[in-house]
Amino acid sequence: MVDQIKSKITTNFKQNSLETSKETAKQVAASVNRVKSSENNQNAKNVNQNVSKFISKDSIKQMTKEPPIDKANVSRIKMAIANGTYPVDLEKISDALLDAYKEMKD
């Protein structure tokens, strides 16, 4: 009879400890998320202030309107590829592939 009571108390204690630990973990995670969010907001404000010192709002609007792509050059390259006249430097390609492979291995 004593063993039965003892095991019930131990089981209840373990369950309560586990539930308390889970709640504490949730509270800590929520606190960490709030701090990170606050830091991110502050960093974003600092970046915006620093950017506005160097770049005017008009130039930012101009950059968002037009992509920084040379359309004439892109169409020239597309035509060369389609015609089969685009120069392919196999040595450069193989060196780049080998470098990428070595980087992945490290």
C-alpha atoms as a PDB file:
ATOM      1  CA  MET A   1       0.000   0.000   0.000  1.00  0.00           C
ATOM      2  CA  VAL A   2       2.843   2.395   0.782  1.00  0.00           C
ATOM      3  CA  ASP A   3       4.509   1.544  -2.521  1.00  0.00           C
ATOM      4  CA  GLN A   4       1.349   2.400  -4.436  1.00  0.00           C
ATOM      5  CA  ILE A   5       1.080   5.839  -2.825  1.00  0.00           C
ATOM      6  CA  LYS A   6       4.773   6.523  -3.340  1.00  0.00           C
ATOM      7  CA  SER A   7       4.604   5.641  -7.038  1.00  0.00           C
ATOM      8  CA  LYS A   8       1.528   7.861  -7.518  1.00  0.00           C
ATOM      9  CA  ILE A   9       3.285  10.786  -5.845  1.00  0.00           C
ATOM     10  CA  THR A  10       6.402  10.264  -7.952  1.00  0.00           C
ATOM     11  CA  THR A  11       4.351  10.028 -11.151  1.00  0.00           C
ATOM     12  CA  ASN A  12       2.392  13.187 -10.325  1.00  0.00           C
ATOM     13  CA  PHE A  13       5.594  15.038  -9.464  1.00  0.00           C
ATOM     14  CA  LYS A  14       7.209  14.006 -12.764  1.00  0.00           C
ATOM     15  CA  GLN A  15       4.155  15.096 -14.755  1.00  0.00           C
ATOM     16  CA  ASN A  16       3.987  18.451 -12.969  1.00  0.00           C
ATOM     17  CA  SER A  17       7.714  19.013 -13.486  1.00  0.00           C
ATOM     18  CA  LEU A  18       7.415  18.208 -17.182  1.00  0.00           C
ATOM     19  CA  GLU A  19       4.445  20.541 -17.645  1.00  0.00           C
ATOM     20  CA  THR A  20       6.237  23.317 -15.763  1.00  0.00           C
ATOM     21  CA  SER A  21       9.348  22.812 -17.883  1.00  0.00           C
ATOM     22  CA  LYS A  22       7.318  23.009 -21.085  1.00  0.00           C
ATOM     23  CA  GLU A  23       5.607  26.217 -19.965  1.00  0.00           C
ATOM     24  CA  THR A  24       8.927  27.742 -18.953  1.00  0.00           C
ATOM     25  CA  ALA A  25      10.428  26.810 -22.320  1.00  0.00           C
ATOM     26  CA  LYS A  26       7.492  28.436 -24.123  1.00  0.00           C
ATOM     27  CA  GLN A  27       7.884  31.614 -22.063  1.00  0.00           C
ATOM     28  CA  VAL A  28      11.619  31.763 -22.724  1.00  0.00           C
ATOM     29  CA  ALA A  29      11.083  31.220 -26.454  1.00  0.00           C
ATOM     30  CA  ALA A  30       8.467  33.983 -26.542  1.00  0.00           C
ATOM     31  CA  SER A  31      10.828  36.349 -24.720  1.00  0.00           C
ATOM     32  CA  VAL A  32      13.672  35.559 -27.107  1.00  0.00           C
ATOM     33  CA  ASN A  33      11.408  36.166 -30.105  1.00  0.00           C
ATOM     34  CA  ARG A  34      10.309  39.533 -28.695  1.00  0.00           C
ATOM     35  CA  VAL A  35      13.923  40.589 -28.144  1.00  0.00           C
ATOM     36  CA  LYS A  36      14.963  39.469 -31.636  1.00  0.00           C
ATOM     37  CA  SER A  37      12.021  41.291 -33.195  1.00  0.00           C
ATOM     38  CA  SER A  38      12.905  44.444 -31.298  1.00  0.00           C
ATOM     39  CA  GLU A  39      16.553  44.207 -32.375  1.00  0.00           C
ATOM     40  CA  ASN A  40      15.569  43.620 -36.006  1.00  0.00           C
ATOM     41  CA  ASN A  41      13.272  46.648 -35.969  1.00  0.00           C
ATOM     42  CA  GLN A  42      16.033  48.808 -34.487  1.00  0.00           C
ATOM     43  CA  ASN A  43      18.562  47.529 -37.037  1.00  0.00           C
ATOM     44  CA  ALA A  44      16.144  48.249 -39.883  1.00  0.00           C
ATOM     45  CA  LYS A  45      15.658  51.807 -38.629  1.00  0.00           C
ATOM     46  CA  ASN A  46      19.418  52.330 -38.404  1.00  0.00           C
ATOM     47  CA  VAL A  47      19.951  50.990 -41.920  1.00  0.00           C
ATOM     48  CA  ASN A  48      17.200  53.212 -43.317  1.00  0.00           C
ATOM     49  CA  GLN A  49      18.706  56.262 -41.631  1.00  0.00           C
ATOM     50  CA  ASN A  50      22.181  55.464 -42.939  1.00  0.00           C
ATOM     51  CA  VAL A  51      20.942  54.801 -46.464  1.00  0.00           C
ATOM     52  CA  SER A  52      18.997  58.044 -46.571  1.00  0.00           C
ATOM     53  CA  LYS A  53      22.211  59.936 -45.740  1.00  0.00           C
ATOM     54  CA  PHE A  54      23.888  58.720 -48.931  1.00  0.00           C
ATOM     55  CA  ILE A  55      21.044  58.090 -51.364  1.00  0.00           C
ATOM     56  CA  SER A  56      18.168  60.432 -52.027  1.00  0.00           C
ATOM     57  CA  LYS A  57      14.604  59.162 -52.060  1.00  0.00           C
ATOM     58  CA  ASP A  58      14.263  60.105 -55.723  1.00  0.00           C
ATOM     59  CA  SER A  59      17.204  57.938 -56.720  1.00  0.00           C
ATOM     60  CA  ILE A  60      15.774  55.031 -54.699  1.00  0.00           C
ATOM     61  CA  LYS A  61      12.477  55.384 -56.576  1.00  0.00           C
ATOM     62  CA  GLN A  62      14.387  55.503 -59.866  1.00  0.00           C
ATOM     63  CA  MET A  63      16.222  52.271 -59.002  1.00  0.00           C
ATOM     64  CA  THR A  64      12.972  50.461 -58.226  1.00  0.00           C
ATOM     65  CA  LYS A  65      11.443  51.463 -61.559  1.00  0.00           C
ATOM     66  CA  GLU A  66      14.146  50.070 -63.829  1.00  0.00           C
ATOM     67  CA  PRO A  67      16.009  46.805 -63.343  1.00  0.00           C
ATOM     68  CA  PRO A  68      19.795  47.172 -63.616  1.00  0.00           C
ATOM     69  CA  ILE A  69      19.907  45.034 -66.751  1.00  0.00           C
ATOM     70  CA  ASP A  70      21.361  45.959 -70.111  1.00  0.00           C
ATOM     71  CA  LYS A  71      18.565  44.651 -72.311  1.00  0.00           C
ATOM     72  CA  ALA A  72      20.542  45.107 -75.518  1.00  0.00           C
ATOM     73  CA  ASN A  73      23.423  43.046 -74.166  1.00  0.00           C
ATOM     74  CA  VAL A  74      21.050  40.328 -72.947  1.00  0.00           C
ATOM     75  CA  SER A  75      19.371  40.043 -76.335  1.00  0.00           C
ATOM     76  CA  ARG A  76      22.795  39.965 -78.076  1.00  0.00           C
ATOM     77  CA  ILE A  77      23.899  37.059 -75.847  1.00  0.00           C
ATOM     78  CA  LYS A  78      20.601  35.229 -76.397  1.00  0.00           C
ATOM     79  CA  MET A  79      20.985  35.550 -80.160  1.00  0.00           C
ATOM     80  CA  ALA A  80      24.582  34.290 -80.015  1.00  0.00           C
ATOM     81  CA  ILE A  81      23.513  31.265 -77.965  1.00  0.00           C
ATOM     82  CA  ALA A  82      20.632  30.534 -80.340  1.00  0.00           C
ATOM     83  CA  ASN A  83      22.951  30.806 -83.367  1.00  0.00           C
ATOM     84  CA  GLY A  84      25.641  28.707 -81.732  1.00  0.00           C
ATOM     85  CA  THR A  85      28.211  31.503 -81.956  1.00  0.00           C
ATOM     86  CA  TYR A  86      28.494  32.284 -78.252  1.00  0.00           C
ATOM     87  CA  PRO A  87      32.111  31.649 -77.173  1.00  0.00           C
ATOM     88  CA  VAL A  88      32.405  28.942 -74.523  1.00  0.00           C
ATOM     89  CA  ASP A  89      35.692  28.775 -72.614  1.00  0.00           C
ATOM     90  CA  LEU A  90      35.778  25.164 -71.445  1.00  0.00           C
ATOM     91  CA  GLU A  91      38.907  25.742 -69.357  1.00  0.00           C
ATOM     92  CA  LYS A  92      37.200  28.486 -67.322  1.00  0.00           C
ATOM     93  CA  ILE A  93      34.109  26.349 -66.839  1.00  0.00           C
ATOM     94  CA  SER A  94      36.090  23.306 -65.736  1.00  0.00           C
ATOM     95  CA  ASP A  95      38.198  25.419 -63.330  1.00  0.00           C
ATOM     96  CA  ALA A  96      35.065  26.945 -61.809  1.00  0.00           C
ATOM     97  CA  LEU A  97      33.432  23.525 -61.420  1.00  0.00           C
ATOM     98  CA  LEU A  98      36.564  22.093 -59.809  1.00  0.00           C
ATOM     99  CA  ASP A  99      36.803  25.062 -57.411  1.00  0.00           C
ATOM    100  CA  ALA A 100      33.142  24.671 -56.468  1.00  0.00           C
ATOM    101  CA  TYR A 101      33.660  20.949 -55.860  1.00  0.00           C
ATOM    102  CA  LYS A 102      36.700  21.603 -53.662  1.00  0.00           C
ATOM    103  CA  GLU A 103      34.768  24.227 -51.709  1.00  0.00           C
ATOM    104  CA  MET A 104      31.902  21.801 -51.113  1.00  0.00           C
ATOM    105  CA  LYS A 105      34.298  19.115 -49.853  1.00  0.00           C
ATOM    106  CA  ASP A 106      35.870  21.461 -47.281  1.00  0.00           C
END
